[in-house]
Amino acid sequence: MNDSNLNMEDKFIRARELFGDENFAKFRRASVLVCGCGGVGGACIEALARTGIGRIVALDYDVFEASNQNRQILSERVGEKKSSVFAEYFESVEGLDLRLSEESVGAFDFSGFDVVIDAIDDIPAKVALAKAVSEKLISSMGAARRLDPTQIRSESVWKTSGDPFARKFRAALKEAGFEGDFTAVYSSEPLYCATLGSFMGVTAAFGLALASLAVRKIAQI
């Protein structure tokens, strides 16, 4: 459709044009839980909100720090709770101040969510999520210490390769007796530094890949 025929007052018009009215209606009814509002999760939340997902619960227990500003959306709000800032910024987002652990995951009600996105880096908590809700889960592996977003891939968590974090995660899943499956976003690009280094061009791309998988899962396309 020519841009001159678009209703430019409808902020979701380009999403409607891409996905179609039927799929967009699914987005408006959908509920997505994003666990982690950091460099990966924050980009995912923004993409989901701008695509028209009707309810997004942004779960995080942490506050923004100055060192987050090289990669995390809204991180200029230093000292404020990440989940609360996202809820303030996007009308479709609800903030949930919660630290995920085996205990908190076990007590959490996932039944109201169509998709659960794991954008955290705590392996025991990731394992607990996988055991609790693998049929709805899309999980991020290690996004830090890399430079090239074109090497990001998505497939079964058991088929991830070249990522030391993913290898530790797979080992922890096996040790926990997990025999299910879910989609993981990962990169096999070699690591470029030993600790801490990160580049928004990669971390945000991980989050955008998670968002893409989520909307396709909702729309079944």
Protein backbone atom coordinates (compact mmCIF):
# COMPACT_ATOMS: atom_id res chain seq x y z
CA MET A 1 0.00 0.00 0.00
CA ASN A 2 1.23 3.49 -0.84
CA ASP A 3 2.15 5.54 2.24
CA SER A 4 -0.33 8.24 1.16
CA ASN A 5 -3.19 5.79 1.83
CA LEU A 6 -2.07 4.94 5.36
CA ASN A 7 -3.85 6.28 8.42
CA MET A 8 -0.82 7.93 9.95
CA GLU A 9 -2.70 8.63 13.18
CA ASP A 10 -2.78 4.88 13.87
CA LYS A 11 0.60 4.18 15.47
CA PHE A 12 0.30 0.48 14.63
CA ILE A 13 -0.66 0.90 10.98
CA ARG A 14 2.60 -0.47 9.62
CA ALA A 15 2.34 -3.54 11.87
CA ARG A 16 -1.21 -4.07 10.61
CA GLU A 17 -0.01 -3.80 7.02
CA LEU A 18 2.76 -6.35 7.58
CA PHE A 19 0.94 -8.94 9.68
CA GLY A 20 -2.67 -8.42 8.55
CA ASP A 21 -5.73 -7.57 10.63
CA GLU A 22 -6.33 -11.12 11.88
CA ASN A 23 -2.82 -11.53 13.25
CA PHE A 24 -2.78 -8.01 14.63
CA ALA A 25 -5.98 -8.81 16.54
CA LYS A 26 -4.10 -11.77 18.08
CA PHE A 27 -1.33 -9.41 19.15
CA ARG A 28 -3.81 -7.10 20.87
CA ARG A 29 -5.24 -10.06 22.83
CA ALA A 30 -1.84 -11.55 23.64
CA SER A 31 -0.04 -11.50 26.97
CA VAL A 32 3.76 -11.85 27.06
CA LEU A 33 6.03 -12.17 30.09
CA VAL A 34 9.55 -10.81 29.56
CA CYS A 35 11.94 -11.94 32.29
CA GLY A 36 14.78 -9.45 32.43
CA CYS A 37 14.79 -5.78 31.39
CA GLY A 38 18.48 -5.44 30.55
CA GLY A 39 20.21 -4.99 27.23
CA VAL A 40 18.44 -8.00 25.68
CA GLY A 41 15.09 -7.87 27.47
CA GLY A 42 14.70 -4.12 27.15
CA ALA A 43 15.03 -4.20 23.36
CA CYS A 44 12.58 -7.09 23.26
CA ILE A 45 10.04 -5.18 25.36
CA GLU A 46 10.26 -2.13 23.13
CA ALA A 47 9.80 -4.17 19.95
CA LEU A 48 6.78 -6.01 21.39
CA ALA A 49 5.18 -2.79 22.60
CA ARG A 50 5.67 -1.05 19.26
CA THR A 51 4.22 -4.08 17.43
CA GLY A 52 0.97 -3.85 19.41
CA ILE A 53 1.19 -6.69 21.93
CA GLY A 54 -1.71 -5.95 24.26
CA ARG A 55 -0.12 -6.89 27.59
CA ILE A 56 3.57 -7.15 28.37
CA VAL A 57 4.74 -7.91 31.89
CA ALA A 58 8.31 -6.70 32.38
CA LEU A 59 9.88 -8.68 35.23
CA ASP A 60 13.09 -7.52 36.88
CA TYR A 61 14.32 -6.83 40.42
CA ASP A 62 17.29 -4.60 39.51
CA VAL A 63 17.84 -0.86 39.10
CA PHE A 64 19.55 0.96 36.24
CA GLU A 65 23.23 1.70 36.80
CA ALA A 66 25.53 4.11 34.99
CA SER A 67 27.44 1.20 33.46
CA ASN A 68 24.25 0.00 31.73
CA GLN A 69 24.14 3.04 29.45
CA ASN A 70 26.29 1.61 26.67
CA ARG A 71 23.58 -0.94 25.82
CA GLN A 72 20.32 -0.70 27.79
CA ILE A 73 17.26 1.22 26.60
CA LEU A 74 15.99 3.81 29.15
CA SER A 75 19.13 3.33 31.29
CA GLU A 76 19.55 7.09 31.70
CA ARG A 77 17.12 6.63 34.60
CA VAL A 78 19.99 5.64 36.88
CA GLY A 79 18.94 4.31 40.28
CA GLU A 80 15.34 3.58 39.26
CA LYS A 81 13.76 0.14 39.07
CA LYS A 82 14.01 -1.18 35.52
CA SER A 83 10.58 -2.79 35.53
CA SER A 84 8.90 0.40 36.78
CA VAL A 85 10.60 2.58 34.17
CA PHE A 86 9.41 0.35 31.32
CA ALA A 87 5.89 0.37 32.73
CA GLU A 88 5.95 4.15 32.86
CA TYR A 89 7.25 4.48 29.30
CA PHE A 90 4.97 2.03 27.46
CA GLU A 91 1.22 1.91 28.07
CA SER A 92 1.00 -1.82 27.34
CA VAL A 93 3.72 -2.71 29.87
CA GLU A 94 3.18 -3.73 33.49
CA GLY A 95 6.24 -3.74 35.75
CA LEU A 96 6.87 -6.62 38.13
CA ASP A 97 9.64 -6.18 40.72
CA LEU A 98 10.66 -9.79 41.33
CA ARG A 99 13.87 -11.76 41.47
CA LEU A 100 13.52 -15.13 39.77
CA SER A 101 14.73 -18.19 41.65
CA GLU A 102 13.66 -21.81 41.86
CA GLU A 103 11.29 -20.82 44.67
CA SER A 104 9.75 -17.76 43.01
CA VAL A 105 9.34 -19.57 39.69
CA GLY A 106 7.63 -22.44 41.49
CA ALA A 107 5.14 -20.04 43.04
CA PHE A 108 4.50 -18.04 39.86
CA ASP A 109 1.33 -18.43 37.79
CA PHE A 110 2.29 -18.61 34.09
CA SER A 111 -1.17 -19.66 32.91
CA GLY A 112 -2.20 -16.20 31.71
CA PHE A 113 0.72 -15.80 29.30
CA ASP A 114 0.91 -16.82 25.66
CA VAL A 115 4.70 -16.51 25.52
CA VAL A 116 7.39 -16.38 28.21
CA ILE A 117 10.69 -14.79 27.24
CA ASP A 118 13.82 -15.57 29.23
CA ALA A 119 16.31 -12.70 28.99
CA ILE A 120 18.13 -13.35 32.26
CA ASP A 121 21.65 -14.63 32.89
CA ASP A 122 21.13 -16.60 36.11
CA ILE A 123 21.43 -20.25 35.11
CA PRO A 124 19.53 -21.80 38.07
CA ALA A 125 16.64 -19.42 37.40
CA LYS A 126 16.76 -20.20 33.67
CA VAL A 127 16.59 -23.92 34.46
CA ALA A 128 13.61 -23.33 36.76
CA LEU A 129 11.82 -21.42 33.98
CA ALA A 130 12.50 -24.21 31.50
CA LYS A 131 11.12 -26.84 33.87
CA ALA A 132 8.04 -24.74 34.66
CA VAL A 133 6.96 -23.41 31.28
CA SER A 134 9.03 -24.86 28.41
CA GLU A 135 6.03 -25.05 26.05
CA LYS A 136 5.73 -21.23 26.12
CA LEU A 137 9.42 -20.40 26.50
CA ILE A 138 11.87 -18.58 24.23
CA SER A 139 15.28 -18.19 25.84
CA SER A 140 18.32 -15.98 25.25
CA MET A 141 21.82 -17.37 25.56
CA GLY A 142 24.96 -15.22 25.98
CA ALA A 143 24.84 -11.88 24.15
CA ALA A 144 27.83 -10.14 25.75
CA ARG A 145 31.41 -9.99 24.48
CA ARG A 146 30.43 -10.20 20.81
CA LEU A 147 30.56 -7.80 17.85
CA ASP A 148 28.61 -9.28 14.94
CA PRO A 149 24.78 -9.47 15.08
CA THR A 150 24.66 -11.33 11.76
CA GLN A 151 25.90 -14.44 13.57
CA ILE A 152 22.82 -14.65 15.80
CA ARG A 153 20.76 -17.82 15.29
CA SER A 154 17.67 -19.46 16.79
CA GLU A 155 16.92 -23.16 17.16
CA SER A 156 16.40 -25.88 19.76
CA VAL A 157 18.32 -25.23 22.96
CA TRP A 158 19.91 -28.67 22.50
CA LYS A 159 21.36 -27.62 19.12
CA THR A 160 23.04 -24.42 20.26
CA SER A 161 26.79 -24.42 19.64
CA GLY A 162 29.87 -22.26 20.04
CA ASP A 163 28.51 -20.44 23.12
CA PRO A 164 30.13 -21.21 26.49
CA PHE A 165 27.08 -19.86 28.35
CA ALA A 166 24.72 -22.07 26.35
CA ARG A 167 26.97 -25.07 27.05
CA LYS A 168 26.72 -24.42 30.81
CA PHE A 169 22.98 -24.01 30.50
CA ARG A 170 22.55 -27.29 28.59
CA ALA A 171 24.64 -29.09 31.22
CA ALA A 172 22.49 -27.62 34.00
CA LEU A 173 19.31 -28.68 32.19
CA LYS A 174 20.61 -32.24 31.88
CA GLU A 175 21.66 -32.30 35.52
CA ALA A 176 18.16 -31.14 36.51
CA GLY A 177 16.62 -33.98 34.51
CA PHE A 178 14.96 -31.69 31.96
CA GLU A 179 13.95 -33.64 28.85
CA GLY A 180 11.79 -31.07 27.06
CA ASP A 181 12.70 -28.56 24.40
CA PHE A 182 12.30 -24.87 23.56
CA THR A 183 13.76 -22.32 21.19
CA ALA A 184 16.97 -20.51 22.11
CA VAL A 185 18.56 -17.42 20.57
CA TYR A 186 22.35 -17.69 20.50
CA SER A 187 25.54 -16.75 18.67
CA SER A 188 28.51 -18.94 17.86
CA GLU A 189 30.73 -15.91 17.28
CA PRO A 190 34.01 -16.13 19.26
CA LEU A 191 34.18 -14.01 22.41
CA TYR A 192 36.24 -10.83 22.10
CA CYS A 193 37.06 -10.15 25.75
CA ALA A 194 37.20 -12.00 29.05
CA THR A 195 34.59 -10.17 31.14
CA LEU A 196 31.95 -7.43 31.16
CA GLY A 197 32.34 -6.13 27.59
CA SER A 198 29.17 -5.66 25.55
CA PHE A 199 27.90 -3.91 22.42
CA MET A 200 24.32 -2.74 21.92
CA GLY A 201 24.50 -3.77 18.26
CA VAL A 202 24.49 -7.37 19.48
CA THR A 203 22.57 -7.28 22.76
CA ALA A 204 19.66 -5.37 21.21
CA ALA A 205 19.72 -7.69 18.20
CA PHE A 206 19.28 -10.63 20.57
CA GLY A 207 16.24 -8.88 22.05
CA LEU A 208 14.80 -8.13 18.62
CA ALA A 209 15.25 -11.78 17.62
CA LEU A 210 13.33 -12.82 20.74
CA ALA A 211 10.54 -10.37 19.88
CA SER A 212 10.34 -11.70 16.33
CA LEU A 213 10.06 -15.27 17.56
CA ALA A 214 7.38 -14.23 20.06
CA VAL A 215 5.12 -12.48 17.53
CA ARG A 216 5.50 -15.35 15.08
CA LYS A 217 4.60 -17.81 17.83
CA ILE A 218 1.50 -15.77 18.70
CA ALA A 219 0.45 -15.45 15.07
CA GLN A 220 1.57 -19.00 14.24
CA ILE A 221 3.51 -17.86 11.19
